Amino acid sequence: MQHFRVPEIFLGCFLTIAVFSMGMIFERGRQPPNPNQSIPKHEASSDSQKSQSPDAELTGSTWLTKDASGFFTFGLVLVGGVQVLMFFIQLKYMRRGMDDATVAARASSRSAKATVAQARIARDSLEKVQRPYAFVFGAFRLETKQKNQFTVPTTILEYKVANYGQTPAVIKSVGAEFIIRQDGAVHAPIGVEAEHPLYTSPVLPPGDVRTVNQMCPDNLVGGDIIVDLSEDEIYGDRIATVSLKPPDELYFRVIVYYDGPFSEGHKTSACWRYEQTTSKFVQHGGREYNYTE
């Protein structure tokens, strides 16, 4: 069923009224003069047959066939009716054309949105493929190192930072800290010193693996230095132990913030817990503390 808007209906009505108004004007033009007007005496004395209006005999079909103004008025009415009919037919086809144009515009809009979405997906995919991916791993044992008998021994924890992405990683900030907790909740570590190797050389090329040594506070190391020749020949010279008062536990966490050539705001985190029974650090916290973003 065809529906028209209110302005279109009013326009058709106004056109019809205008046609009938023109017919009424023609009809009014052929009416006799007002009988109340004064008539000269010499005209009043004319023949009685002429005193009657010639239009008095024009009734029914006679009005249409013998009176010129009536014929033309009827013609105008017919023309007006045809025009109104053509007007509504034209509106019908115009509405169909508008509906087709609306459908085409909506399809074009959906196609444009799909193109934009595909372009965004392609861009995001390219960024994910081409971005750097930094990882922190390799923390294992505390080691006490001493260059010679005249130097003070230092206890360190060695770990590695690597870039396994396809573009260089630019280090922006590094946090690394030994944390003693009782509930296992490990807060974000504090920043490292300015002489940290990731600050002195902040660009990690693709495939670069950087070894970093984190100094262990002297108050954490207690007891004698244990030497295990079966393992120390592989992992180092001397293994240090940590004395903790239960229920205290020792954690070590690292967070590295970095950017890429085409992206920014990346972060990688790693966390370990110290096991006193084995004097080793094991991964702790799952995805909450170990991730790459």
Protein backbone atom coordinates (compact mmCIF):
# COMPACT_ATOMS: atom_id res chain seq x y z
CA MET A 1 0.00 0.00 0.00
CA GLN A 2 1.35 3.42 -1.01
CA HIS A 3 1.68 6.01 1.77
CA PHE A 4 1.96 9.75 1.19
CA ARG A 5 3.21 12.38 3.55
CA VAL A 6 0.92 15.17 4.77
CA PRO A 7 2.54 17.96 2.63
CA GLU A 8 2.01 15.90 -0.53
CA ILE A 9 -1.72 15.41 0.21
CA PHE A 10 -2.17 19.12 0.94
CA LEU A 11 -0.44 20.01 -2.33
CA GLY A 12 -2.83 17.79 -4.31
CA CYS A 13 -5.86 19.28 -2.52
CA PHE A 14 -4.71 22.83 -3.18
CA LEU A 15 -4.25 22.02 -6.88
CA THR A 16 -7.79 20.60 -7.10
CA ILE A 17 -9.25 23.63 -5.30
CA ALA A 18 -7.42 25.94 -7.70
CA VAL A 19 -8.89 24.18 -10.76
CA PHE A 20 -12.43 24.33 -9.41
CA SER A 21 -11.93 27.97 -8.43
CA MET A 22 -11.06 28.84 -12.03
CA GLY A 23 -14.24 27.05 -13.18
CA MET A 24 -16.31 29.01 -10.73
CA ILE A 25 -14.81 32.26 -12.01
CA PHE A 26 -15.84 31.39 -15.58
CA GLU A 27 -19.30 30.38 -14.38
CA ARG A 28 -19.67 33.59 -12.44
CA GLY A 29 -18.73 35.58 -15.53
CA ARG A 30 -21.71 34.30 -17.50
CA GLN A 31 -24.36 34.97 -14.77
CA PRO A 32 -26.98 37.74 -15.40
CA PRO A 33 -26.53 41.08 -13.72
CA ASN A 34 -27.94 41.74 -10.28
CA PRO A 35 -31.70 42.32 -10.45
CA ASN A 36 -31.46 45.02 -7.77
CA GLN A 37 -29.54 47.26 -10.12
CA SER A 38 -31.44 50.06 -11.86
CA ILE A 39 -32.63 49.33 -15.41
CA PRO A 40 -33.35 52.07 -17.84
CA LYS A 41 -37.01 52.57 -18.70
CA HIS A 42 -36.55 52.05 -22.40
CA GLU A 43 -35.10 48.62 -21.70
CA ALA A 44 -37.94 47.71 -19.30
CA SER A 45 -40.48 48.26 -22.03
CA SER A 46 -38.85 45.76 -24.38
CA ASP A 47 -40.42 42.57 -25.47
CA SER A 48 -41.41 40.21 -22.60
CA GLN A 49 -39.66 37.34 -24.31
CA LYS A 50 -36.35 39.18 -24.02
CA SER A 51 -36.88 39.96 -20.33
CA GLN A 52 -36.17 36.38 -19.46
CA SER A 53 -32.57 35.18 -19.22
CA PRO A 54 -31.46 32.97 -22.10
CA ASP A 55 -29.78 30.75 -19.57
CA ALA A 56 -33.03 29.72 -18.01
CA GLU A 57 -33.45 27.07 -20.64
CA LEU A 58 -29.94 25.70 -20.19
CA THR A 59 -30.38 22.77 -17.81
CA GLY A 60 -28.84 19.29 -17.63
CA SER A 61 -27.06 18.24 -20.81
CA THR A 62 -28.22 21.45 -22.52
CA TRP A 63 -25.89 23.43 -20.26
CA LEU A 64 -22.93 21.35 -21.38
CA THR A 65 -23.68 21.22 -25.13
CA LYS A 66 -25.15 24.66 -25.91
CA ASP A 67 -23.40 26.98 -23.47
CA ALA A 68 -19.76 27.79 -24.29
CA SER A 69 -18.72 28.89 -20.77
CA GLY A 70 -20.21 25.72 -19.28
CA PHE A 71 -18.42 23.58 -21.83
CA PHE A 72 -15.06 25.21 -21.10
CA THR A 73 -15.68 25.01 -17.36
CA PHE A 74 -16.36 21.29 -17.68
CA GLY A 75 -13.20 20.95 -19.75
CA LEU A 76 -11.18 22.71 -17.07
CA VAL A 77 -12.60 20.34 -14.47
CA LEU A 78 -11.61 17.34 -16.57
CA VAL A 79 -8.11 18.74 -17.11
CA GLY A 80 -7.78 19.45 -13.41
CA GLY A 81 -8.85 15.92 -12.54
CA VAL A 82 -6.34 14.46 -14.98
CA GLN A 83 -3.64 16.71 -13.53
CA VAL A 84 -4.47 15.58 -10.00
CA LEU A 85 -4.36 11.94 -11.12
CA MET A 86 -1.04 12.47 -12.86
CA PHE A 87 0.24 14.32 -9.81
CA PHE A 88 -0.48 11.36 -7.51
CA ILE A 89 0.95 8.91 -10.03
CA GLN A 90 4.08 11.04 -10.22
CA LEU A 91 4.27 11.12 -6.42
CA LYS A 92 3.99 7.33 -6.40
CA TYR A 93 6.94 6.90 -8.76
CA MET A 94 8.89 9.59 -6.93
CA ARG A 95 8.36 7.75 -3.65
CA ARG A 96 9.52 4.50 -5.25
CA GLY A 97 12.61 6.27 -6.54
CA MET A 98 13.24 7.76 -3.10
CA ASP A 99 12.86 4.33 -1.48
CA ASP A 100 15.33 2.83 -3.97
CA ALA A 101 17.73 5.70 -3.35
CA THR A 102 17.38 5.21 0.42
CA VAL A 103 18.12 1.50 0.10
CA ALA A 104 21.13 2.25 -2.09
CA ALA A 105 22.37 4.90 0.35
CA ARG A 106 22.03 2.51 3.29
CA ALA A 107 23.86 -0.20 1.38
CA SER A 108 26.60 2.28 0.49
CA SER A 109 26.83 3.37 4.13
CA ARG A 110 27.12 -0.25 5.30
CA SER A 111 29.78 -0.90 2.67
CA ALA A 112 31.74 2.17 3.76
CA LYS A 113 31.53 1.12 7.42
CA ALA A 114 32.68 -2.38 6.51
CA THR A 115 35.60 -0.91 4.55
CA VAL A 116 36.60 1.27 7.50
CA ALA A 117 36.33 -1.70 9.88
CA GLN A 118 38.47 -3.85 7.58
CA ALA A 119 41.05 -1.07 7.31
CA ARG A 120 41.12 -0.72 11.10
CA ILE A 121 41.51 -4.48 11.53
CA ALA A 122 44.31 -4.53 8.95
CA ARG A 123 46.05 -1.63 10.72
CA ASP A 124 45.72 -3.27 14.13
CA SER A 125 46.96 -6.56 12.73
CA LEU A 126 49.94 -4.84 11.14
CA GLU A 127 50.75 -3.06 14.40
CA LYS A 128 50.51 -6.32 16.34
CA VAL A 129 52.81 -8.05 13.86
CA GLN A 130 55.31 -5.20 13.50
CA ARG A 131 55.44 -4.05 17.12
CA PRO A 132 58.24 -5.03 19.56
CA TYR A 133 57.62 -7.74 22.14
CA ALA A 134 59.82 -7.49 25.23
CA PHE A 135 60.01 -10.34 27.75
CA VAL A 136 61.58 -10.62 31.19
CA PHE A 137 62.74 -14.10 32.24
CA GLY A 138 65.64 -16.14 33.60
CA ALA A 139 65.68 -15.24 37.33
CA PHE A 140 66.96 -18.33 39.12
CA ARG A 141 69.31 -17.97 42.08
CA LEU A 142 71.04 -15.41 44.22
CA GLU A 143 74.76 -15.44 43.58
CA THR A 144 77.60 -13.87 45.54
CA LYS A 145 80.34 -12.54 43.32
CA GLN A 146 83.79 -11.31 44.30
CA LYS A 147 86.36 -10.25 41.75
CA ASN A 148 89.31 -10.91 44.05
CA GLN A 149 90.23 -11.20 47.69
CA PHE A 150 90.54 -7.45 48.04
CA THR A 151 87.01 -6.59 46.87
CA VAL A 152 83.79 -6.73 48.86
CA PRO A 153 81.50 -9.59 47.74
CA THR A 154 78.12 -8.58 46.34
CA THR A 155 74.95 -10.64 46.12
CA ILE A 156 72.99 -10.31 42.89
CA LEU A 157 70.05 -11.89 41.08
CA GLU A 158 70.60 -12.31 37.36
CA TYR A 159 67.70 -12.11 34.88
CA LYS A 160 67.28 -11.40 31.16
CA VAL A 161 65.32 -8.91 29.07
CA ALA A 162 64.79 -9.81 25.39
CA ASN A 163 62.96 -8.33 22.41
CA TYR A 164 61.35 -11.05 20.29
CA GLY A 165 59.35 -8.67 18.10
CA GLN A 166 60.08 -7.48 14.56
CA THR A 167 60.90 -3.86 15.43
CA PRO A 168 63.18 -2.26 18.05
CA ALA A 169 61.94 -1.62 21.58
CA VAL A 170 62.74 1.72 23.20
CA ILE A 171 62.90 1.43 26.99
CA LYS A 172 61.00 4.22 28.75
CA SER A 173 60.97 3.10 32.37
CA VAL A 174 62.10 0.13 34.49
CA GLY A 175 61.00 -0.97 37.94
CA ALA A 176 62.74 -3.83 39.80
CA GLU A 177 62.56 -4.64 43.50
CA PHE A 178 62.92 -7.36 46.15
CA ILE A 179 59.69 -7.38 48.17
CA ILE A 180 58.95 -9.10 51.50
CA ARG A 181 55.26 -9.88 52.02
CA GLN A 182 53.10 -12.22 54.06
CA ASP A 183 49.93 -12.31 51.95
CA GLY A 184 51.44 -12.92 48.51
CA ALA A 185 50.20 -9.58 47.08
CA VAL A 186 53.13 -8.02 45.24
CA HIS A 187 52.93 -4.30 44.55
CA ALA A 188 54.51 -2.56 41.56
CA PRO A 189 58.28 -2.22 42.05
CA ILE A 190 60.09 1.06 42.46
CA GLY A 191 62.29 2.54 39.75
CA VAL A 192 65.88 1.44 39.32
CA GLU A 193 68.98 3.59 39.43
CA ALA A 194 70.05 5.71 36.48
CA GLU A 195 73.06 3.43 35.86
CA HIS A 196 70.79 0.50 35.10
CA PRO A 197 71.91 -1.20 31.84
CA LEU A 198 68.42 -0.76 30.32
CA TYR A 199 68.77 3.00 30.85
CA THR A 200 72.33 3.33 29.63
CA SER A 201 71.43 1.42 26.47
CA PRO A 202 67.63 1.85 26.09
CA VAL A 203 67.16 0.46 22.56
CA LEU A 204 66.63 -3.30 22.21
CA PRO A 205 66.92 -4.39 18.57
CA PRO A 206 64.83 -7.34 17.37
CA GLY A 207 66.29 -10.58 18.76
CA ASP A 208 68.46 -8.79 21.35
CA VAL A 209 68.80 -10.55 24.73
CA ARG A 210 70.12 -8.37 27.56
CA THR A 211 71.49 -9.83 30.81
CA VAL A 212 70.73 -7.68 33.86
CA ASN A 213 72.06 -8.05 37.43
CA GLN A 214 69.89 -6.82 40.30
CA MET A 215 71.69 -6.03 43.56
CA CYS A 216 70.25 -7.79 46.60
CA PRO A 217 70.12 -5.77 49.85
CA ASP A 218 72.70 -6.93 52.36
CA ASN A 219 70.12 -7.30 55.15
CA LEU A 220 68.35 -10.07 53.17
CA VAL A 221 71.37 -12.32 52.90
CA GLY A 222 72.11 -14.41 55.96
CA GLY A 223 74.01 -17.52 57.01
CA ASP A 224 77.03 -19.03 55.43
CA ILE A 225 77.63 -19.04 51.69
CA ILE A 226 76.85 -22.52 50.41
CA VAL A 227 79.00 -24.00 47.69
CA ASP A 228 77.48 -26.74 45.57
CA LEU A 229 80.10 -27.89 43.11
CA SER A 230 77.72 -30.09 41.16
CA GLU A 231 75.61 -27.05 40.18
CA ASP A 232 77.93 -24.12 40.75
CA GLU A 233 80.14 -25.21 37.91
CA ILE A 234 77.15 -24.34 35.70
CA TYR A 235 75.34 -21.49 37.46
CA GLY A 236 78.10 -19.54 39.17
CA ASP A 237 80.72 -19.42 41.84
CA ARG A 238 78.75 -19.22 45.06
CA ILE A 239 75.07 -19.45 45.93
CA ALA A 240 73.67 -17.17 48.63
CA THR A 241 70.74 -18.01 50.87
CA VAL A 242 68.12 -15.72 52.39
CA SER A 243 67.05 -15.93 56.01
CA LEU A 244 63.34 -15.18 56.44
CA LYS A 245 61.16 -15.23 59.53
CA PRO A 246 57.91 -17.10 58.87
CA PRO A 247 55.38 -16.20 57.58
CA ASP A 248 57.46 -13.68 55.61
CA GLU A 249 58.14 -14.51 51.96
CA LEU A 250 60.55 -12.94 49.48
CA TYR A 251 59.44 -11.89 45.99
CA PHE A 252 61.22 -10.28 43.10
CA ARG A 253 59.28 -8.37 40.46
CA VAL A 254 60.30 -6.49 37.30
CA ILE A 255 58.18 -4.19 35.11
CA VAL A 256 59.55 -2.72 31.87
CA TYR A 257 57.73 0.07 30.01
CA TYR A 258 58.66 0.57 26.38
CA ASP A 259 57.56 1.96 23.00
CA GLY A 260 57.97 0.83 19.41
CA PRO A 261 58.63 2.76 16.18
CA PHE A 262 54.91 2.73 15.28
CA SER A 263 53.27 2.13 18.64
CA GLU A 264 53.60 3.14 22.26
CA GLY A 265 52.48 2.31 25.79
CA HIS A 266 53.71 -1.30 25.92
CA LYS A 267 54.52 -3.06 29.17
CA THR A 268 55.97 -6.39 30.27
CA SER A 269 55.99 -7.78 33.80
CA ALA A 270 57.48 -10.79 35.58
CA CYS A 271 57.37 -11.94 39.19
CA TRP A 272 59.17 -14.69 41.14
CA ARG A 273 58.91 -16.09 44.68
CA TYR A 274 61.95 -17.32 46.62
CA GLU A 275 61.81 -20.91 47.89
CA GLN A 276 63.95 -21.42 50.98
CA THR A 277 64.00 -25.19 50.60
CA THR A 278 65.72 -25.03 47.21
CA SER A 279 67.21 -21.50 47.36
CA LYS A 280 65.64 -20.88 43.93
CA PHE A 281 63.21 -18.34 42.52
CA VAL A 282 60.03 -19.74 40.94
CA GLN A 283 57.42 -17.89 38.90
CA HIS A 284 54.60 -16.41 40.97
CA GLY A 285 51.20 -14.85 40.35
CA GLY A 286 50.24 -16.21 36.94
CA ARG A 287 48.72 -13.72 34.49
CA GLU A 288 48.27 -11.12 37.21
CA TYR A 289 52.00 -10.47 37.52
CA ASN A 290 53.41 -12.14 34.38
CA TYR A 291 52.27 -10.62 31.09
CA THR A 292 53.26 -8.68 28.00
CA GLU A 293 51.04 -5.85 26.74
